[in-house]
Amino acid sequence: MKPLYATTKARVYGTPNAWRFADQARDGELFQDCKVRLEIQGDDEGHCFFLIVSPEGFFTSDRWHETLQAAQERARMLLGVTRADWSE
């Protein structure tokens, strides 16, 4: 599978090595509005997909998903990224 890419903006809370999005923020926690790069990588057999999230100025994180649709749905839930927002 060729990787898919998307970019959005989001409010990121915490520190560069311990961050979270608004749905997990703590009361009064400092935040930064920043550009977030997203990538979905999958194996050639279609059995394993990683959603890679890279907020500018913060460490990259990833999460395994069983299907491409599940990875895209997670990006939609977290950041509002739709299927139309992805490109190769």
Protein backbone atom coordinates (compact mmCIF):
# COMPACT_ATOMS: atom_id res chain seq x y z
CA MET A 1 0.00 0.00 0.00
CA LYS A 2 1.20 3.49 -0.80
CA PRO A 3 1.11 5.74 2.28
CA LEU A 4 -1.73 8.22 2.60
CA TYR A 5 -1.14 11.77 3.87
CA ALA A 6 -3.25 14.53 5.37
CA THR A 7 -2.58 17.77 7.20
CA THR A 8 -4.76 19.67 9.64
CA LYS A 9 -4.51 22.07 12.56
CA ALA A 10 -5.29 21.16 16.14
CA ARG A 11 -4.93 22.34 19.70
CA VAL A 12 -2.27 20.21 21.41
CA TYR A 13 -1.98 20.09 25.20
CA GLY A 14 0.97 19.10 27.37
CA THR A 15 4.67 19.04 26.58
CA PRO A 16 6.61 17.96 23.47
CA ASN A 17 7.15 14.46 24.87
CA ALA A 18 3.84 14.02 26.72
CA TRP A 19 1.04 15.56 24.69
CA ARG A 20 -2.65 14.99 24.08
CA PHE A 21 -5.57 16.46 22.18
CA ALA A 22 -8.47 18.39 23.68
CA ASP A 23 -10.55 15.27 24.41
CA GLN A 24 -7.94 14.24 27.02
CA ALA A 25 -6.83 17.69 28.25
CA ARG A 26 -6.71 18.52 31.94
CA ASP A 27 -8.31 21.64 33.41
CA GLY A 28 -6.01 24.65 33.09
CA GLU A 29 -3.44 22.77 31.01
CA LEU A 30 -1.34 24.82 28.61
CA PHE A 31 -1.90 24.26 24.90
CA GLN A 32 -0.54 25.19 21.53
CA ASP A 33 -2.41 25.47 18.23
CA CYS A 34 -0.25 23.78 15.62
CA LYS A 35 -0.09 22.02 12.28
CA VAL A 36 -0.54 18.24 12.49
CA ARG A 37 0.74 15.92 9.79
CA LEU A 38 -0.98 12.55 9.46
CA GLU A 39 0.14 9.47 7.62
CA ILE A 40 -1.35 6.02 7.22
CA GLN A 41 1.09 3.25 6.36
CA GLY A 42 -0.04 -0.26 5.61
CA ASP A 43 1.52 -3.58 4.73
CA ASP A 44 1.19 -4.96 1.20
CA GLU A 45 -1.25 -7.66 2.33
CA GLY A 46 -3.69 -5.17 3.90
CA HIS A 47 -3.53 -6.69 7.40
CA CYS A 48 -1.87 -3.90 9.35
CA PHE A 49 -2.29 -0.12 9.23
CA PHE A 50 -0.54 2.52 11.32
CA LEU A 51 -1.98 5.98 11.85
CA ILE A 52 1.03 8.22 12.43
CA VAL A 53 0.32 11.59 14.07
CA SER A 54 2.99 14.31 14.04
CA PRO A 55 2.03 17.61 15.69
CA GLU A 56 4.58 20.29 14.80
CA GLY A 57 6.99 20.70 17.73
CA PHE A 58 5.86 17.49 19.47
CA PHE A 59 6.95 13.87 19.34
CA THR A 60 5.31 11.65 16.73
CA SER A 61 2.92 8.95 17.86
CA ASP A 62 1.37 6.01 16.07
CA ARG A 63 -1.45 3.58 16.58
CA TRP A 64 -2.09 0.21 14.96
CA HIS A 65 -5.40 -0.53 13.22
CA GLU A 66 -6.70 -3.68 11.61
CA THR A 67 -8.18 -1.91 8.57
CA LEU A 68 -7.58 1.24 6.56
CA GLN A 69 -11.13 2.31 7.35
CA ALA A 70 -10.46 2.02 11.10
CA ALA A 71 -7.34 4.18 10.82
CA GLN A 72 -9.24 6.81 8.83
CA GLU A 73 -12.12 6.72 11.29
CA ARG A 74 -9.72 7.32 14.19
CA ALA A 75 -8.29 10.37 12.36
CA ARG A 76 -11.83 11.62 11.81
CA MET A 77 -12.76 11.18 15.47
CA LEU A 78 -9.57 12.81 16.77
CA LEU A 79 -9.12 15.62 14.30
CA GLY A 80 -12.08 15.82 11.93
CA VAL A 81 -10.05 14.55 8.96
CA THR A 82 -12.40 13.06 6.36
CA ARG A 83 -11.62 10.41 3.75
CA ALA A 84 -11.58 13.16 1.11
CA ASP A 85 -8.72 14.89 3.00
CA TRP A 86 -6.29 12.02 2.37
CA SER A 87 -3.93 11.88 -0.62
CA GLU A 88 -1.10 9.66 -1.82
